[in-house]
Protein backbone atom coordinates (compact mmCIF):
# COMPACT_ATOMS: atom_id res chain seq x y z
CA MET A 1 -90.98 -50.06 -6.82
CA LEU A 2 -92.87 -53.16 -7.89
CA SER A 3 -90.92 -56.32 -8.48
CA LEU A 4 -90.83 -57.91 -11.91
CA LYS A 5 -92.91 -60.82 -10.60
CA THR A 6 -95.56 -58.48 -9.18
CA THR A 7 -95.68 -56.41 -12.37
CA PHE A 8 -96.09 -59.55 -14.47
CA GLY A 9 -98.87 -60.74 -12.17
CA LEU A 10 -100.75 -57.45 -12.55
CA ILE A 11 -100.44 -57.60 -16.34
CA VAL A 12 -101.79 -61.15 -16.42
CA ALA A 13 -104.67 -60.19 -14.12
CA GLY A 14 -105.49 -57.23 -16.36
CA LEU A 15 -105.50 -59.41 -19.45
CA VAL A 16 -107.81 -61.91 -17.77
CA LEU A 17 -110.26 -59.16 -16.84
CA LEU A 18 -110.11 -57.76 -20.37
CA PHE A 19 -110.76 -61.21 -21.81
CA GLN A 20 -113.69 -61.78 -19.46
CA PHE A 21 -115.13 -58.39 -20.39
CA ALA A 22 -114.81 -59.20 -24.10
CA ILE A 23 -116.52 -62.57 -23.63
CA GLY A 24 -119.27 -60.95 -21.60
CA ALA A 25 -119.82 -58.30 -24.24
CA GLU A 26 -119.94 -60.96 -26.96
CA ASN A 27 -122.48 -62.99 -24.96
CA ASP A 28 -124.61 -59.89 -24.45
CA GLU A 29 -124.50 -59.21 -28.19
CA LEU A 30 -125.51 -62.79 -28.95
CA ALA A 31 -128.36 -62.56 -26.46
CA VAL A 32 -129.61 -59.36 -28.10
CA SER A 33 -129.30 -60.98 -31.54
CA ARG A 34 -131.27 -64.02 -30.42
CA LEU A 35 -133.90 -61.80 -28.84
CA GLU A 36 -134.20 -59.72 -32.02
CA PHE A 37 -134.39 -62.88 -34.12
CA ASN A 38 -137.18 -64.32 -31.98
CA ARG A 39 -139.09 -61.05 -31.95
CA THR A 40 -138.90 -60.69 -35.73
CA VAL A 41 -139.93 -64.27 -36.45
CA SER A 42 -142.81 -64.08 -33.95
CA CYS A 43 -143.97 -60.78 -35.43
CA VAL A 44 -144.01 -62.16 -38.98
CA ARG A 45 -145.67 -65.46 -38.08
CA GLY A 46 -148.26 -63.73 -35.97
CA ASN A 47 -149.40 -61.70 -38.96
CA LEU A 48 -149.60 -64.58 -41.43
CA PRO A 49 -152.99 -66.19 -42.20
CA MET A 50 -153.93 -68.99 -39.81
CA GLU A 51 -153.91 -71.53 -42.66
CA ILE A 52 -150.24 -70.74 -43.28
CA GLN A 53 -149.33 -70.74 -39.60
CA PHE A 54 -151.13 -73.99 -38.81
CA PRO A 55 -151.75 -75.97 -42.01
CA GLN A 56 -154.03 -78.95 -41.35
CA LYS A 57 -153.78 -82.10 -43.46
CA SER A 58 -157.56 -82.29 -43.70
CA ILE A 59 -157.81 -79.11 -45.81
CA PHE A 60 -155.73 -80.46 -48.67
CA PRO A 61 -157.39 -82.21 -51.63
CA ILE A 62 -156.99 -85.96 -52.10
CA PHE A 63 -154.31 -86.98 -54.57
CA ASN A 64 -154.45 -90.66 -55.52
CA ALA A 65 -152.99 -92.81 -58.27
CA THR A 66 -155.65 -91.75 -60.78
CA THR A 67 -155.27 -88.00 -60.15
CA THR A 68 -153.22 -86.09 -62.72
CA LEU A 69 -150.72 -83.39 -61.82
CA ASP A 70 -152.90 -80.70 -63.38
CA GLU A 71 -156.00 -81.89 -61.51
CA TYR A 72 -154.25 -81.77 -58.16
CA ILE A 73 -152.70 -78.37 -58.86
CA ALA A 74 -156.13 -77.00 -59.81
CA GLU A 75 -157.76 -78.37 -56.65
CA LEU A 76 -154.98 -77.16 -54.35
CA SER A 77 -155.12 -73.68 -55.88
CA LYS A 78 -158.72 -73.45 -54.63
CA VAL A 79 -157.65 -74.19 -51.05
CA VAL A 80 -155.03 -71.46 -50.68
CA GLY A 81 -156.59 -68.29 -49.28
CA PRO A 82 -155.90 -64.56 -49.58
CA PRO A 83 -153.63 -62.67 -49.40
CA THR A 84 -151.34 -65.63 -50.14
CA THR A 85 -153.12 -66.31 -53.42
CA THR A 86 -152.54 -62.74 -54.58
CA LEU A 87 -148.88 -62.80 -53.52
CA LEU A 88 -148.18 -66.07 -55.33
CA ALA A 89 -150.07 -65.09 -58.47
CA ARG A 90 -148.42 -61.69 -58.66
CA SER A 91 -144.96 -63.17 -58.11
CA ALA A 92 -145.49 -65.70 -60.90
CA GLN A 93 -146.83 -63.02 -63.26
CA LEU A 94 -143.85 -60.74 -62.63
CA ALA A 95 -141.38 -63.57 -63.20
CA TRP A 96 -143.17 -64.74 -66.35
CA SER A 97 -143.23 -61.26 -67.84
CA THR A 98 -139.42 -61.13 -67.80
CA MET A 99 -138.85 -64.53 -69.43
CA ASP A 100 -138.37 -65.66 -73.01
CA GLN A 101 -141.73 -67.42 -73.20
CA ARG A 102 -141.04 -69.08 -76.55
CA ASP A 103 -138.87 -71.86 -75.19
CA ILE A 104 -139.91 -72.68 -71.64
CA THR A 105 -138.46 -76.20 -72.02
CA ASN A 106 -134.98 -74.70 -72.22
CA VAL A 107 -133.15 -75.67 -69.03
CA ARG A 108 -131.73 -72.21 -68.40
CA ILE A 109 -135.07 -70.47 -68.98
CA ALA A 110 -137.14 -72.87 -66.85
CA ASP A 111 -134.73 -72.66 -63.93
CA GLU A 112 -134.49 -68.88 -64.17
CA PHE A 113 -138.30 -68.62 -64.16
CA TYR A 114 -138.36 -70.71 -60.99
CA LYS A 115 -135.68 -68.62 -59.26
CA ARG A 116 -137.25 -65.28 -60.22
CA PHE A 117 -140.61 -66.44 -58.93
CA TYR A 118 -139.15 -67.26 -55.52
CA ALA A 119 -137.25 -63.98 -55.40
CA ASN A 120 -140.51 -62.14 -56.09
CA VAL A 121 -142.34 -63.98 -53.31
CA ALA A 122 -139.61 -63.00 -50.87
CA SER A 123 -139.41 -59.35 -51.91
CA ASN A 124 -143.17 -58.80 -52.18
CA GLY A 125 -144.19 -60.84 -49.15
CA PRO A 126 -143.66 -58.13 -46.50
CA GLN A 127 -145.98 -55.76 -48.37
CA PHE A 128 -148.77 -58.31 -48.88
CA TYR A 129 -148.69 -59.48 -45.25
CA HIS A 130 -147.96 -56.01 -43.82
CA VAL A 131 -144.93 -57.22 -41.86
CA GLY A 132 -142.24 -54.92 -43.24
CA ASP A 133 -141.80 -53.28 -39.83
CA CYS A 134 -141.23 -56.56 -37.98
CA GLY A 135 -137.44 -56.33 -38.13
CA ASN A 136 -134.48 -57.12 -40.35
CA SER A 137 -135.74 -57.21 -43.94
CA GLN A 138 -133.81 -60.36 -44.91
CA LEU A 139 -135.07 -62.22 -41.86
CA VAL A 140 -138.64 -61.09 -42.57
CA GLU A 141 -138.41 -62.35 -46.16
CA ASP A 142 -136.81 -65.64 -45.11
CA THR A 143 -139.50 -66.23 -42.48
CA ILE A 144 -142.29 -65.63 -45.00
CA LEU A 145 -140.74 -68.04 -47.51
CA GLU A 146 -140.14 -70.65 -44.83
CA ASN A 147 -143.74 -70.58 -43.65
CA ILE A 148 -145.32 -70.67 -47.11
CA SER A 149 -142.95 -73.48 -48.09
CA THR A 150 -143.94 -75.39 -44.96
CA TYR A 151 -147.59 -75.05 -46.00
CA PHE A 152 -146.89 -76.60 -49.40
CA GLY A 153 -144.63 -79.17 -47.79
CA ARG A 154 -147.59 -80.32 -45.70
CA ALA A 155 -149.71 -80.45 -48.84
CA ALA A 156 -147.10 -82.59 -50.60
CA SER A 157 -146.71 -84.96 -47.64
CA SER A 158 -150.51 -85.33 -47.35
CA THR A 159 -150.47 -87.19 -50.69
CA GLY A 160 -148.53 -90.04 -49.12
CA GLY A 161 -145.76 -89.78 -51.71
CA VAL A 162 -148.05 -89.79 -54.76
CA TRP A 163 -147.17 -86.19 -55.65
CA GLU A 164 -143.47 -86.95 -55.70
CA GLU A 165 -143.98 -90.13 -57.72
CA LYS A 166 -145.87 -88.23 -60.43
CA LEU A 167 -143.02 -85.76 -60.87
CA PRO A 168 -140.13 -86.35 -63.29
CA LEU A 169 -137.02 -87.66 -61.55
CA SER A 170 -135.19 -84.44 -62.38
CA VAL A 171 -137.38 -82.33 -60.07
CA ARG A 172 -138.29 -84.72 -57.26
CA HIS A 173 -135.70 -83.12 -55.01
CA ARG A 174 -137.74 -79.91 -55.41
CA LYS A 175 -141.09 -81.54 -54.71
CA THR A 176 -142.26 -78.88 -52.23
CA GLY A 177 -140.88 -75.93 -54.17
CA MET A 178 -142.26 -77.26 -57.44
CA LEU A 179 -145.75 -77.68 -55.96
CA MET A 180 -145.73 -74.07 -54.75
CA PHE A 181 -144.40 -72.93 -58.14
CA LEU A 182 -147.00 -74.78 -60.22
CA VAL A 183 -149.92 -73.74 -58.02
CA SER A 184 -148.77 -70.13 -58.32
CA ILE A 185 -148.67 -70.41 -62.11
CA LYS A 186 -152.24 -71.71 -62.00
CA LEU A 187 -153.33 -68.85 -59.74
CA ALA A 188 -151.70 -66.38 -62.12
CA GLY A 189 -153.66 -67.75 -65.06
CA ILE A 190 -150.48 -68.42 -67.04
CA ASN A 191 -151.18 -70.94 -69.77
CA ILE A 192 -148.23 -73.35 -69.68
CA ASP A 193 -148.29 -77.06 -70.33
CA THR A 194 -147.13 -78.59 -67.03
CA THR A 195 -145.37 -81.54 -68.66
CA ARG A 196 -143.43 -79.28 -71.03
CA LEU A 197 -142.44 -76.95 -68.21
CA LEU A 198 -141.21 -79.76 -66.00
CA SER A 199 -139.19 -81.19 -68.86
CA GLY A 200 -137.16 -77.97 -68.83
CA PHE A 201 -135.58 -78.78 -65.46
CA GLU A 202 -132.46 -80.88 -65.08
């Protein structure tokens, strides 16, 4: 018959082994998750246009102190290539078709237009880039948005701060997102006065 001390020692040893097994299983799961994450992101990025993967400052139009917001938006819209142009235009059109277009300066309406546009880019992106089979759908959508946003972030930074300075104070914290949004509206052929639209954001 085992002594109480021996029995206690065996129980402790068993618990240690169980704990080590649980930690090992958790580490294995994390490793698989990281591997899946990397595979999905690589798959999506590898199928995006080269201009989105590796945006070069030299491709963006010059934006100086005399350039207006509308002029820069028009010039930048000519630089973006397919199928990104189609995705952005379609996403803006879909969002615009669901809005109350009579009062775009209304804070609630302007912000909702902005949010619906981004939701459309995320949901439609996998189809336009043919990356729906790359992995987890949410991760695929997030990766697409991240890379397109990075492209427009490079465009904004290439202006040396002029783009941000031309924006109303209320939207400067969205300088990259707003550039992508306004270019998409231009690509969609939606006739909105830029100044009026921007005045609708808090």
